[in-house]
Structures are given as structure tokens and as C-alpha cells.
Amino acid sequence: MTTVLHIERCRVCAQALFPARYRCPHCGAADWASEAAPHGVVEESTVVRHRVGAQGTGDVHLATVRTAAGAFVIARADAPLARGTSVALSIDETNRVWASASGVPHRASH
């Protein structure tokens, strides 16, 4: 099961953040509103080929995504994503953020 990604927006200064924080790093307020962030644009990407203790699990594709709300998130992807690619964002049952260029949220299979 996947769900849409939500970011937090400071009600005092409108700063959008992910993940949630106790206080806003911009103004210091602790007054938050949650808002859906179902889409974004890839700013940069990388691939992790070797991980300690993860024999035979294959490459892990990661992307820095600027959400439509303005917050940045680091998301996993099933394949490499080019800068400027529009993606759908979702969270899986293990709380991993996923980016999908197909526009369809990631379906748990990992």
C-alpha cells in the first residue's frame, strides 16, 4: 500500500519542509499545517551501487525532488531519473519516499 507524500508548512512564515521538525528553522515557530505533495520535479539524482551488508540487492536509485509545494525530498526510484523529470511522489509501507516518472505512485514490490 502506498500513500501520498505530505510535507509540513509553517503557518507563521509559510516555509515548506520535509521531514517534519519541531520548530521552523526559518522563523522558530512551532505551528505547522500538513499538505499533500503528490508531484515534484527532479533536481539531481545518483545511484548507490555498493552498500555495506546488502549483498546482491542491486543498485539503489535516488533523486532530490523539489515538490510543487517547494520542499525538497530525497526519494528512491525504480530507475535513473534525469534532471527536470516530473514525478509522482508516494510513501510505501516502510515509510520510504518514492518518485515515479510514469506519474503513477510506486507500488510496493521492494
PDB file of N, CA and C in Angstrom:
ATOM      1  N   MET A   1       0.843  -1.189   0.000  1.00  0.00           N
ATOM      2  CA  MET A   1       0.000   0.000   0.000  1.00  0.00           C
ATOM      3  C   MET A   1       0.881   1.243   0.000  1.00  0.00           C
ATOM      4  N   THR A   2       0.547   2.210  -0.808  1.00  0.00           N
ATOM      5  CA  THR A   2       1.289   3.464  -0.836  1.00  0.00           C
ATOM      6  C   THR A   2       0.352   4.610  -0.507  1.00  0.00           C
ATOM      7  N   THR A   3       0.924   5.665  -0.010  1.00  0.00           N
ATOM      8  CA  THR A   3       0.144   6.861   0.292  1.00  0.00           C
ATOM      9  C   THR A   3       0.856   8.068  -0.293  1.00  0.00           C
ATOM     10  N   VAL A   4       0.115   9.131  -0.474  1.00  0.00           N
ATOM     11  CA  VAL A   4       0.680  10.373  -0.994  1.00  0.00           C
ATOM     12  C   VAL A   4       1.600  10.989   0.054  1.00  0.00           C
ATOM     13  N   LEU A   5       2.679  11.553  -0.404  1.00  0.00           N
ATOM     14  CA  LEU A   5       3.619  12.253   0.469  1.00  0.00           C
ATOM     15  C   LEU A   5       2.974  13.534   0.998  1.00  0.00           C
ATOM     16  N   HIS A   6       3.177  13.831   2.277  1.00  0.00           N
ATOM     17  CA  HIS A   6       2.734  15.088   2.873  1.00  0.00           C
ATOM     18  C   HIS A   6       3.950  15.839   3.395  1.00  0.00           C
ATOM     19  N   ILE A   7       3.952  17.140   3.199  1.00  0.00           N
ATOM     20  CA  ILE A   7       5.007  17.998   3.741  1.00  0.00           C
ATOM     21  C   ILE A   7       4.374  18.886   4.813  1.00  0.00           C
ATOM     22  N   GLU A   8       5.216  19.553   5.570  1.00  0.00           N
ATOM     23  CA  GLU A   8       4.735  20.476   6.603  1.00  0.00           C
ATOM     24  C   GLU A   8       5.011  21.901   6.156  1.00  0.00           C
ATOM     25  N   ARG A   9       4.047  22.793   6.374  1.00  0.00           N
ATOM     26  CA  ARG A   9       4.213  24.210   6.050  1.00  0.00           C
ATOM     27  C   ARG A   9       4.026  25.018   7.329  1.00  0.00           C
ATOM     28  N   CYS A  10       4.987  25.886   7.612  1.00  0.00           N
ATOM     29  CA  CYS A  10       4.909  26.753   8.786  1.00  0.00           C
ATOM     30  C   CYS A  10       3.755  27.738   8.586  1.00  0.00           C
ATOM     31  N   ARG A  11       2.882  27.816   9.565  1.00  0.00           N
ATOM     32  CA  ARG A  11       1.735  28.726   9.474  1.00  0.00           C
ATOM     33  C   ARG A  11       2.129  30.178   9.712  1.00  0.00           C
ATOM     34  N   VAL A  12       3.334  30.401  10.236  1.00  0.00           N
ATOM     35  CA  VAL A  12       3.782  31.763  10.515  1.00  0.00           C
ATOM     36  C   VAL A  12       4.491  32.371   9.305  1.00  0.00           C
ATOM     37  N   CYS A  13       5.462  31.635   8.720  1.00  0.00           N
ATOM     38  CA  CYS A  13       6.251  32.208   7.620  1.00  0.00           C
ATOM     39  C   CYS A  13       6.053  31.490   6.282  1.00  0.00           C
ATOM     40  N   ALA A  14       5.263  30.428   6.262  1.00  0.00           N
ATOM     41  CA  ALA A  14       4.933  29.664   5.048  1.00  0.00           C
ATOM     42  C   ALA A  14       6.086  28.816   4.509  1.00  0.00           C
ATOM     43  N   GLN A  15       7.150  28.632   5.278  1.00  0.00           N
ATOM     44  CA  GLN A  15       8.256  27.764   4.863  1.00  0.00           C
ATOM     45  C   GLN A  15       7.757  26.325   4.742  1.00  0.00           C
ATOM     46  N   ALA A  16       8.044  25.654   3.619  1.00  0.00           N
ATOM     47  CA  ALA A  16       7.648  24.259   3.409  1.00  0.00           C
ATOM     48  C   ALA A  16       8.837  23.359   3.728  1.00  0.00           C
ATOM     49  N   LEU A  17       8.604  22.299   4.524  1.00  0.00           N
ATOM     50  CA  LEU A  17       9.693  21.430   4.978  1.00  0.00           C
ATOM     51  C   LEU A  17       9.324  19.959   4.919  1.00  0.00           C
ATOM     52  N   PHE A  18      10.344  19.146   4.716  1.00  0.00           N
ATOM     53  CA  PHE A  18      10.232  17.699   4.844  1.00  0.00           C
ATOM     54  C   PHE A  18      11.618  17.194   5.220  1.00  0.00           C
ATOM     55  N   PRO A  19      11.740  16.344   6.229  1.00  0.00           N
ATOM     56  CA  PRO A  19      10.672  15.828   7.076  1.00  0.00           C
ATOM     57  C   PRO A  19      10.227  16.865   8.111  1.00  0.00           C
ATOM     58  N   ALA A  20       9.201  16.497   8.858  1.00  0.00           N
ATOM     59  CA  ALA A  20       8.658  17.399   9.875  1.00  0.00           C
ATOM     60  C   ALA A  20       9.727  17.730  10.918  1.00  0.00           C
ATOM     61  N   ARG A  21       9.650  18.921  11.450  1.00  0.00           N
ATOM     62  CA  ARG A  21      10.561  19.368  12.512  1.00  0.00           C
ATOM     63  C   ARG A  21       9.722  19.956  13.644  1.00  0.00           C
ATOM     64  N   TYR A  22      10.335  20.016  14.802  1.00  0.00           N
ATOM     65  CA  TYR A  22       9.613  20.583  15.938  1.00  0.00           C
ATOM     66  C   TYR A  22       9.418  22.085  15.741  1.00  0.00           C
ATOM     67  N   ARG A  23      10.478  22.777  15.338  1.00  0.00           N
ATOM     68  CA  ARG A  23      10.414  24.228  15.126  1.00  0.00           C
ATOM     69  C   ARG A  23      10.863  24.573  13.724  1.00  0.00           C
ATOM     70  N   CYS A  24      10.309  25.626  13.175  1.00  0.00           N
ATOM     71  CA  CYS A  24      10.674  26.089  11.847  1.00  0.00           C
ATOM     72  C   CYS A  24      12.097  26.656  11.881  1.00  0.00           C
ATOM     73  N   PRO A  25      12.992  26.180  11.025  1.00  0.00           N
ATOM     74  CA  PRO A  25      14.355  26.710  11.021  1.00  0.00           C
ATOM     75  C   PRO A  25      14.433  28.139  10.478  1.00  0.00           C
ATOM     76  N   HIS A  26      13.373  28.598   9.833  1.00  0.00           N
ATOM     77  CA  HIS A  26      13.369  29.945   9.274  1.00  0.00           C
ATOM     78  C   HIS A  26      12.926  30.989  10.300  1.00  0.00           C
ATOM     79  N   CYS A  27      11.822  30.716  11.026  1.00  0.00           N
ATOM     80  CA  CYS A  27      11.280  31.729  11.946  1.00  0.00           C
ATOM     81  C   CYS A  27      11.202  31.269  13.398  1.00  0.00           C
ATOM     82  N   GLY A  28      11.407  29.974  13.665  1.00  0.00           N
ATOM     83  CA  GLY A  28      11.379  29.468  15.034  1.00  0.00           C
ATOM     84  C   GLY A  28      10.007  29.073  15.551  1.00  0.00           C
ATOM     85  N   ALA A  29       8.961  29.260  14.748  1.00  0.00           N
ATOM     86  CA  ALA A  29       7.609  28.912  15.184  1.00  0.00           C
ATOM     87  C   ALA A  29       7.436  27.395  15.244  1.00  0.00           C
ATOM     88  N   ALA A  30       6.440  26.969  16.006  1.00  0.00           N
ATOM     89  CA  ALA A  30       6.110  25.543  16.098  1.00  0.00           C
ATOM     90  C   ALA A  30       4.635  25.354  15.743  1.00  0.00           C
ATOM     91  N   ASP A  31       4.215  25.981  14.665  1.00  0.00           N
ATOM     92  CA  ASP A  31       2.828  25.946  14.234  1.00  0.00           C
ATOM     93  C   ASP A  31       2.792  25.468  12.787  1.00  0.00           C
ATOM     94  N   TRP A  32       2.390  24.211  12.579  1.00  0.00           N
ATOM     95  CA  TRP A  32       2.515  23.560  11.279  1.00  0.00           C
ATOM     96  C   TRP A  32       1.170  23.181  10.687  1.00  0.00           C
ATOM     97  N   ALA A  33       1.098  23.173   9.367  1.00  0.00           N
ATOM     98  CA  ALA A  33      -0.042  22.644   8.628  1.00  0.00           C
ATOM     99  C   ALA A  33       0.508  21.597   7.666  1.00  0.00           C
ATOM    100  N   SER A  34      -0.155  20.464   7.587  1.00  0.00           N
ATOM    101  CA  SER A  34       0.259  19.406   6.680  1.00  0.00           C
ATOM    102  C   SER A  34      -0.430  19.598   5.333  1.00  0.00           C
ATOM    103  N   GLU A  35       0.317  19.390   4.245  1.00  0.00           N
ATOM    104  CA  GLU A  35      -0.306  19.482   2.932  1.00  0.00           C
ATOM    105  C   GLU A  35       0.247  18.402   2.005  1.00  0.00           C
ATOM    106  N   ALA A  36      -0.604  17.912   1.144  1.00  0.00           N
ATOM    107  CA  ALA A  36      -0.208  16.870   0.204  1.00  0.00           C
ATOM    108  C   ALA A  36       0.819  17.413  -0.780  1.00  0.00           C
ATOM    109  N   ALA A  37       1.771  16.564  -1.131  1.00  0.00           N
ATOM    110  CA  ALA A  37       2.789  16.903  -2.126  1.00  0.00           C
ATOM    111  C   ALA A  37       2.893  15.714  -3.085  1.00  0.00           C
ATOM    112  N   PRO A  38       1.882  15.517  -3.935  1.00  0.00           N
ATOM    113  CA  PRO A  38       1.854  14.329  -4.775  1.00  0.00           C
ATOM    114  C   PRO A  38       2.791  14.366  -5.972  1.00  0.00           C
ATOM    115  N   HIS A  39       3.327  15.544  -6.316  1.00  0.00           N
ATOM    116  CA  HIS A  39       4.169  15.668  -7.506  1.00  0.00           C
ATOM    117  C   HIS A  39       5.377  16.542  -7.230  1.00  0.00           C
ATOM    118  N   GLY A  40       6.383  16.408  -8.091  1.00  0.00           N
ATOM    119  CA  GLY A  40       7.562  17.240  -7.996  1.00  0.00           C
ATOM    120  C   GLY A  40       8.399  17.124  -9.257  1.00  0.00           C
ATOM    121  N   VAL A  41       9.565  17.778  -9.230  1.00  0.00           N
ATOM    122  CA  VAL A  41      10.494  17.785 -10.354  1.00  0.00           C
ATOM    123  C   VAL A  41      11.876  17.389  -9.842  1.00  0.00           C
ATOM    124  N   VAL A  42      12.537  16.486 -10.555  1.00  0.00           N
ATOM    125  CA  VAL A  42      13.867  16.023 -10.166  1.00  0.00           C
ATOM    126  C   VAL A  42      14.881  17.151 -10.348  1.00  0.00           C
ATOM    127  N   GLU A  43      15.634  17.445  -9.290  1.00  0.00           N
ATOM    128  CA  GLU A  43      16.704  18.442  -9.339  1.00  0.00           C
ATOM    129  C   GLU A  43      18.060  17.789  -9.592  1.00  0.00           C
ATOM    130  N   GLU A  44      18.310  16.637  -8.969  1.00  0.00           N
ATOM    131  CA  GLU A  44      19.529  15.870  -9.186  1.00  0.00           C
ATOM    132  C   GLU A  44      19.276  14.425  -8.819  1.00  0.00           C
ATOM    133  N   SER A  45      20.148  13.539  -9.301  1.00  0.00           N
ATOM    134  CA  SER A  45      19.973  12.124  -8.985  1.00  0.00           C
ATOM    135  C   SER A  45      21.329  11.438  -8.888  1.00  0.00           C
ATOM    136  N   THR A  46      21.310  10.262  -8.269  1.00  0.00           N
ATOM    137  CA  THR A  46      22.524   9.470  -8.110  1.00  0.00           C
ATOM    138  C   THR A  46      22.120   8.007  -7.997  1.00  0.00           C
ATOM    139  N   VAL A  47      23.127   7.143  -8.025  1.00  0.00           N
ATOM    140  CA  VAL A  47      22.887   5.715  -7.841  1.00  0.00           C
ATOM    141  C   VAL A  47      23.865   5.195  -6.809  1.00  0.00           C
ATOM    142  N   VAL A  48      23.373   4.370  -5.898  1.00  0.00           N
ATOM    143  CA  VAL A  48      24.216   3.718  -4.894  1.00  0.00           C
ATOM    144  C   VAL A  48      24.408   2.285  -5.371  1.00  0.00           C
ATOM    145  N   ARG A  49      25.655   1.933  -5.677  1.00  0.00           N
ATOM    146  CA  ARG A  49      25.939   0.605  -6.234  1.00  0.00           C
ATOM    147  C   ARG A  49      26.415  -0.388  -5.181  1.00  0.00           C
ATOM    148  N   HIS A  50      27.065   0.091  -4.142  1.00  0.00           N
ATOM    149  CA  HIS A  50      27.605  -0.796  -3.111  1.00  0.00           C
ATOM    150  C   HIS A  50      27.158  -0.305  -1.744  1.00  0.00           C
ATOM    151  N   ARG A  51      26.505  -1.187  -0.993  1.00  0.00           N
ATOM    152  CA  ARG A  51      26.072  -0.850   0.358  1.00  0.00           C
ATOM    153  C   ARG A  51      26.562  -1.931   1.308  1.00  0.00           C
ATOM    154  N   VAL A  52      27.079  -1.534   2.441  1.00  0.00           N
ATOM    155  CA  VAL A  52      27.565  -2.480   3.433  1.00  0.00           C
ATOM    156  C   VAL A  52      26.420  -3.377   3.883  1.00  0.00           C
ATOM    157  N   GLY A  53      26.635  -4.679   3.841  1.00  0.00           N
ATOM    158  CA  GLY A  53      25.638  -5.631   4.312  1.00  0.00           C
ATOM    159  C   GLY A  53      24.476  -5.866   3.367  1.00  0.00           C
ATOM    160  N   ALA A  54      24.547  -5.387   2.139  1.00  0.00           N
ATOM    161  CA  ALA A  54      23.430  -5.537   1.203  1.00  0.00           C
ATOM    162  C   ALA A  54      23.885  -6.297  -0.044  1.00  0.00           C
ATOM    163  N   GLN A  55      24.342  -7.510   0.141  1.00  0.00           N
ATOM    164  CA  GLN A  55      24.830  -8.294  -0.979  1.00  0.00           C
ATOM    165  C   GLN A  55      23.692  -8.682  -1.922  1.00  0.00           C
ATOM    166  N   GLY A  56      23.935  -8.474  -3.212  1.00  0.00           N
ATOM    167  CA  GLY A  56      23.014  -8.941  -4.226  1.00  0.00           C
ATOM    168  C   GLY A  56      21.688  -8.223  -4.335  1.00  0.00           C
ATOM    169  N   THR A  57      21.536  -7.049  -3.739  1.00  0.00           N
ATOM    170  CA  THR A  57      20.245  -6.365  -3.808  1.00  0.00           C
ATOM    171  C   THR A  57      20.164  -5.392  -4.976  1.00  0.00           C
ATOM    172  N   GLY A  58      21.245  -5.182  -5.683  1.00  0.00           N
ATOM    173  CA  GLY A  58      21.232  -4.303  -6.853  1.00  0.00           C
ATOM    174  C   GLY A  58      21.387  -2.838  -6.513  1.00  0.00           C
ATOM    175  N   ASP A  59      21.357  -2.039  -7.568  1.00  0.00           N
ATOM    176  CA  ASP A  59      21.534  -0.600  -7.427  1.00  0.00           C
ATOM    177  C   ASP A  59      20.324   0.050  -6.761  1.00  0.00           C
ATOM    178  N   VAL A  60      20.583   1.148  -6.053  1.00  0.00           N
ATOM    179  CA  VAL A  60      19.521   1.961  -5.463  1.00  0.00           C
ATOM    180  C   VAL A  60      19.589   3.328  -6.126  1.00  0.00           C
ATOM    181  N   HIS A  61      18.520   3.704  -6.802  1.00  0.00           N
ATOM    182  CA  HIS A  61      18.449   4.996  -7.483  1.00  0.00           C
ATOM    183  C   HIS A  61      17.796   6.005  -6.544  1.00  0.00           C
ATOM    184  N   LEU A  62      18.468   7.155  -6.369  1.00  0.00           N
ATOM    185  CA  LEU A  62      17.977   8.212  -5.500  1.00  0.00           C
ATOM    186  C   LEU A  62      17.869   9.513  -6.278  1.00  0.00           C
ATOM    187  N   ALA A  63      16.905  10.339  -5.912  1.00  0.00           N
ATOM    188  CA  ALA A  63      16.729  11.629  -6.564  1.00  0.00           C
ATOM    189  C   ALA A  63      16.350  12.688  -5.537  1.00  0.00           C
ATOM    190  N   THR A  64      16.903  13.874  -5.700  1.00  0.00           N
ATOM    191  CA  THR A  64      16.457  15.034  -4.941  1.00  0.00           C
ATOM    192  C   THR A  64      15.324  15.645  -5.750  1.00  0.00           C
ATOM    193  N   VAL A  65      14.146  15.729  -5.124  1.00  0.00           N
ATOM    194  CA  VAL A  65      12.948  16.195  -5.823  1.00  0.00           C
ATOM    195  C   VAL A  65      12.430  17.453  -5.143  1.00  0.00           C
ATOM    196  N   ARG A  66      12.191  18.498  -5.946  1.00  0.00           N
ATOM    197  CA  ARG A  66      11.546  19.713  -5.439  1.00  0.00           C
ATOM    198  C   ARG A  66      10.049  19.517  -5.620  1.00  0.00           C
ATOM    199  N   THR A  67       9.320  19.463  -4.509  1.00  0.00           N
ATOM    200  CA  THR A  67       7.874  19.264  -4.591  1.00  0.00           C
ATOM    201  C   THR A  67       7.204  20.526  -5.120  1.00  0.00           C
ATOM    202  N   ALA A  68       5.988  20.369  -5.608  1.00  0.00           N
ATOM    203  CA  ALA A  68       5.229  21.522  -6.073  1.00  0.00           C
ATOM    204  C   ALA A  68       5.016  22.526  -4.940  1.00  0.00           C
ATOM    205  N   ALA A  69       5.036  22.041  -3.690  1.00  0.00           N
ATOM    206  CA  ALA A  69       4.868  22.906  -2.517  1.00  0.00           C
ATOM    207  C   ALA A  69       6.151  23.664  -2.179  1.00  0.00           C
ATOM    208  N   GLY A  70       7.278  23.271  -2.783  1.00  0.00           N
ATOM    209  CA  GLY A  70       8.539  23.967  -2.551  1.00  0.00           C
ATOM    210  C   GLY A  70       9.542  23.229  -1.690  1.00  0.00           C
ATOM    211  N   ALA A  71       9.112  22.263  -0.918  1.00  0.00           N
ATOM    212  CA  ALA A  71      10.032  21.491  -0.077  1.00  0.00           C
ATOM    213  C   ALA A  71      10.821  20.508  -0.941  1.00  0.00           C
ATOM    214  N   PHE A  72      12.032  20.181  -0.502  1.00  0.00           N
ATOM    215  CA  PHE A  72      12.850  19.188  -1.181  1.00  0.00           C
ATOM    216  C   PHE A  72      12.777  17.871  -0.421  1.00  0.00           C
ATOM    217  N   VAL A  73      12.747  16.754  -1.164  1.00  0.00           N
ATOM    218  CA  VAL A  73      12.760  15.424  -0.563  1.00  0.00           C
ATOM    219  C   VAL A  73      13.773  14.566  -1.305  1.00  0.00           C
ATOM    220  N   ILE A  74      14.334  13.596  -0.610  1.00  0.00           N
ATOM    221  CA  ILE A  74      15.176  12.585  -1.227  1.00  0.00           C
ATOM    222  C   ILE A  74      14.286  11.361  -1.412  1.00  0.00           C
ATOM    223  N   ALA A  75      14.166  10.903  -2.652  1.00  0.00           N
ATOM    224  CA  ALA A  75      13.268   9.799  -2.966  1.00  0.00           C
ATOM    225  C   ALA A  75      14.016   8.674  -3.669  1.00  0.00           C
ATOM    226  N   ARG A  76      13.546   7.457  -3.443  1.00  0.00           N
ATOM    227  CA  ARG A  76      14.031   6.303  -4.195  1.00  0.00           C
ATOM    228  C   ARG A  76      13.281   6.241  -5.513  1.00  0.00           C
ATOM    229  N   ALA A  77      13.877   5.546  -6.491  1.00  0.00           N
ATOM    230  CA  ALA A  77      13.226   5.361  -7.787  1.00  0.00           C
ATOM    231  C   ALA A  77      13.552   3.968  -8.299  1.00  0.00           C
ATOM    232  N   ASP A  78      12.698   3.451  -9.155  1.00  0.00           N
ATOM    233  CA  ASP A  78      12.925   2.132  -9.744  1.00  0.00           C
ATOM    234  C   ASP A  78      13.996   2.162 -10.835  1.00  0.00           C
ATOM    235  N   ALA A  79      14.252   3.348 -11.390  1.00  0.00           N
ATOM    236  CA  ALA A  79      15.218   3.503 -12.477  1.00  0.00           C
ATOM    237  C   ALA A  79      15.831   4.899 -12.376  1.00  0.00           C
ATOM    238  N   PRO A  80      16.921   5.156 -13.102  1.00  0.00           N
ATOM    239  CA  PRO A  80      17.515   6.501 -13.068  1.00  0.00           C
ATOM    240  C   PRO A  80      16.509   7.556 -13.533  1.00  0.00           C
ATOM    241  N   LEU A  81      16.563   8.731 -12.921  1.00  0.00           N
ATOM    242  CA  LEU A  81      15.691   9.840 -13.290  1.00  0.00           C
ATOM    243  C   LEU A  81      16.545  11.036 -13.678  1.00  0.00           C
ATOM    244  N   ALA A  82      16.248  11.627 -14.821  1.00  0.00           N
ATOM    245  CA  ALA A  82      17.003  12.776 -15.307  1.00  0.00           C
ATOM    246  C   ALA A  82      16.517  14.070 -14.664  1.00  0.00           C
ATOM    247  N   ARG A  83      17.432  15.028 -14.558  1.00  0.00           N
ATOM    248  CA  ARG A  83      17.075  16.349 -14.045  1.00  0.00           C
ATOM    249  C   ARG A  83      15.944  16.930 -14.896  1.00  0.00           C
ATOM    250  N   GLY A  84      14.956  17.533 -14.223  1.00  0.00           N
ATOM    251  CA  GLY A  84      13.831  18.137 -14.912  1.00  0.00           C
ATOM    252  C   GLY A  84      12.657  17.205 -15.137  1.00  0.00           C
ATOM    253  N   THR A  85      12.809  15.920 -14.779  1.00  0.00           N
ATOM    254  CA  THR A  85      11.724  14.960 -14.950  1.00  0.00           C
ATOM    255  C   THR A  85      10.618  15.221 -13.935  1.00  0.00           C
ATOM    256  N   SER A  86       9.385  15.291 -14.387  1.00  0.00           N
ATOM    257  CA  SER A  86       8.233  15.410 -13.485  1.00  0.00           C
ATOM    258  C   SER A  86       7.938  14.025 -12.926  1.00  0.00           C
ATOM    259  N   VAL A  87       7.712  13.950 -11.615  1.00  0.00           N
ATOM    260  CA  VAL A  87       7.494  12.665 -10.961  1.00  0.00           C
ATOM    261  C   VAL A  87       6.292  12.716 -10.020  1.00  0.00           C
ATOM    262  N   ALA A  88       5.686  11.543  -9.813  1.00  0.00           N
ATOM    263  CA  ALA A  88       4.672  11.362  -8.781  1.00  0.00           C
ATOM    264  C   ALA A  88       5.411  10.929  -7.520  1.00  0.00           C
ATOM    265  N   LEU A  89       5.007  11.430  -6.363  1.00  0.00           N
ATOM    266  CA  LEU A  89       5.642  11.086  -5.098  1.00  0.00           C
ATOM    267  C   LEU A  89       4.687  10.288  -4.228  1.00  0.00           C
ATOM    268  N   SER A  90       5.227   9.286  -3.549  1.00  0.00           N
ATOM    269  CA  SER A  90       4.419   8.483  -2.637  1.00  0.00           C
ATOM    270  C   SER A  90       5.303   7.952  -1.517  1.00  0.00           C
ATOM    271  N   ILE A  91       4.663   7.394  -0.490  1.00  0.00           N
ATOM    272  CA  ILE A  91       5.375   6.769   0.623  1.00  0.00           C
ATOM    273  C   ILE A  91       4.891   5.332   0.717  1.00  0.00           C
ATOM    274  N   ASP A  92       5.841   4.383   0.844  1.00  0.00           N
ATOM    275  CA  ASP A  92       5.442   2.978   0.928  1.00  0.00           C
ATOM    276  C   ASP A  92       5.210   2.560   2.378  1.00  0.00           C
ATOM    277  N   GLU A  93       4.901   1.280   2.579  1.00  0.00           N
ATOM    278  CA  GLU A  93       4.560   0.772   3.913  1.00  0.00           C
ATOM    279  C   GLU A  93       5.726   0.802   4.889  1.00  0.00           C
ATOM    280  N   THR A  94       6.956   0.974   4.385  1.00  0.00           N
ATOM    281  CA  THR A  94       8.122   1.079   5.273  1.00  0.00           C
ATOM    282  C   THR A  94       8.584   2.530   5.420  1.00  0.00           C
ATOM    283  N   ASN A  95       7.735   3.477   5.004  1.00  0.00           N
ATOM    284  CA  ASN A  95       7.982   4.924   5.109  1.00  0.00           C
ATOM    285  C   ASN A  95       9.110   5.426   4.223  1.00  0.00           C
ATOM    286  N   ARG A  96       9.369   4.736   3.110  1.00  0.00           N
ATOM    287  CA  ARG A  96      10.336   5.226   2.126  1.00  0.00           C
ATOM    288  C   ARG A  96       9.594   6.102   1.124  1.00  0.00           C
ATOM    289  N   VAL A  97      10.199   7.237   0.767  1.00  0.00           N
ATOM    290  CA  VAL A  97       9.630   8.113  -0.250  1.00  0.00           C
ATOM    291  C   VAL A  97      10.062   7.581  -1.617  1.00  0.00           C
ATOM    292  N   TRP A  98       9.107   7.495  -2.543  1.00  0.00           N
ATOM    293  CA  TRP A  98       9.355   7.007  -3.897  1.00  0.00           C
ATOM    294  C   TRP A  98       8.979   8.064  -4.920  1.00  0.00           C
ATOM    295  N   ALA A  99       9.777   8.151  -5.992  1.00  0.00           N
ATOM    296  CA  ALA A  99       9.485   9.021  -7.125  1.00  0.00           C
ATOM    297  C   ALA A  99       9.267   8.143  -8.347  1.00  0.00           C
ATOM    298  N   SER A 100       8.205   8.425  -9.091  1.00  0.00           N
ATOM    299  CA  SER A 100       7.880   7.648 -10.277  1.00  0.00           C
ATOM    300  C   SER A 100       7.644   8.574 -11.455  1.00  0.00           C
ATOM    301  N   ALA A 101       8.445   8.413 -12.508  1.00  0.00           N
ATOM    302  CA  ALA A 101       8.314   9.252 -13.697  1.00  0.00           C
ATOM    303  C   ALA A 101       7.068   8.932 -14.485  1.00  0.00           C
ATOM    304  N   SER A 102       6.481   7.768 -14.270  1.00  0.00           N
ATOM    305  CA  SER A 102       5.294   7.380 -15.023  1.00  0.00           C
ATOM    306  C   SER A 102       4.059   8.176 -14.611  1.00  0.00           C
ATOM    307  N   GLY A 103       4.168   8.888 -13.502  1.00  0.00           N
ATOM    308  CA  GLY A 103       3.016   9.622 -12.985  1.00  0.00           C
ATOM    309  C   GLY A 103       2.133   8.763 -12.098  1.00  0.00           C
ATOM    310  N   VAL A 104       2.467   7.472 -12.009  1.00  0.00           N
ATOM    311  CA  VAL A 104       1.709   6.557 -11.165  1.00  0.00           C
ATOM    312  C   VAL A 104       2.541   6.288  -9.911  1.00  0.00           C
ATOM    313  N   PRO A 105       1.975   6.470  -8.717  1.00  0.00           N
ATOM    314  CA  PRO A 105       2.738   6.226  -7.497  1.00  0.00           C
ATOM    315  C   PRO A 105       3.329   4.819  -7.441  1.00  0.00           C
ATOM    316  N   HIS A 106       4.476   4.682  -6.813  1.00  0.00           N
ATOM    317  CA  HIS A 106       5.176   3.414  -6.667  1.00  0.00           C
ATOM    318  C   HIS A 106       4.282   2.387  -5.981  1.00  0.00           C
ATOM    319  N   ARG A 107       4.299   1.172  -6.468  1.00  0.00           N
ATOM    320  CA  ARG A 107       3.587   0.062  -5.838  1.00  0.00           C
ATOM    321  C   ARG A 107       4.600  -0.822  -5.149  1.00  0.00           C
ATOM    322  N   ALA A 108       4.346  -1.176  -3.908  1.00  0.00           N
ATOM    323  CA  ALA A 108       5.283  -1.952  -3.103  1.00  0.00           C
ATOM    324  C   ALA A 108       5.662  -3.252  -3.804  1.00  0.00           C
ATOM    325  N   SER A 109       6.950  -3.424  -4.019  1.00  0.00           N
ATOM    326  CA  SER A 109       7.477  -4.665  -4.571  1.00  0.00           C
ATOM    327  C   SER A 109       8.924  -4.856  -4.148  1.00  0.00           C
ATOM    328  N   HIS A 110       9.415  -3.932  -3.350  1.00  0.00           N
ATOM    329  CA  HIS A 110      10.834  -3.956  -2.948  1.00  0.00           C
ATOM    330  C   HIS A 110      10.980  -4.504  -1.559  1.00  0.00           C
TER     331      HIS A 110
END
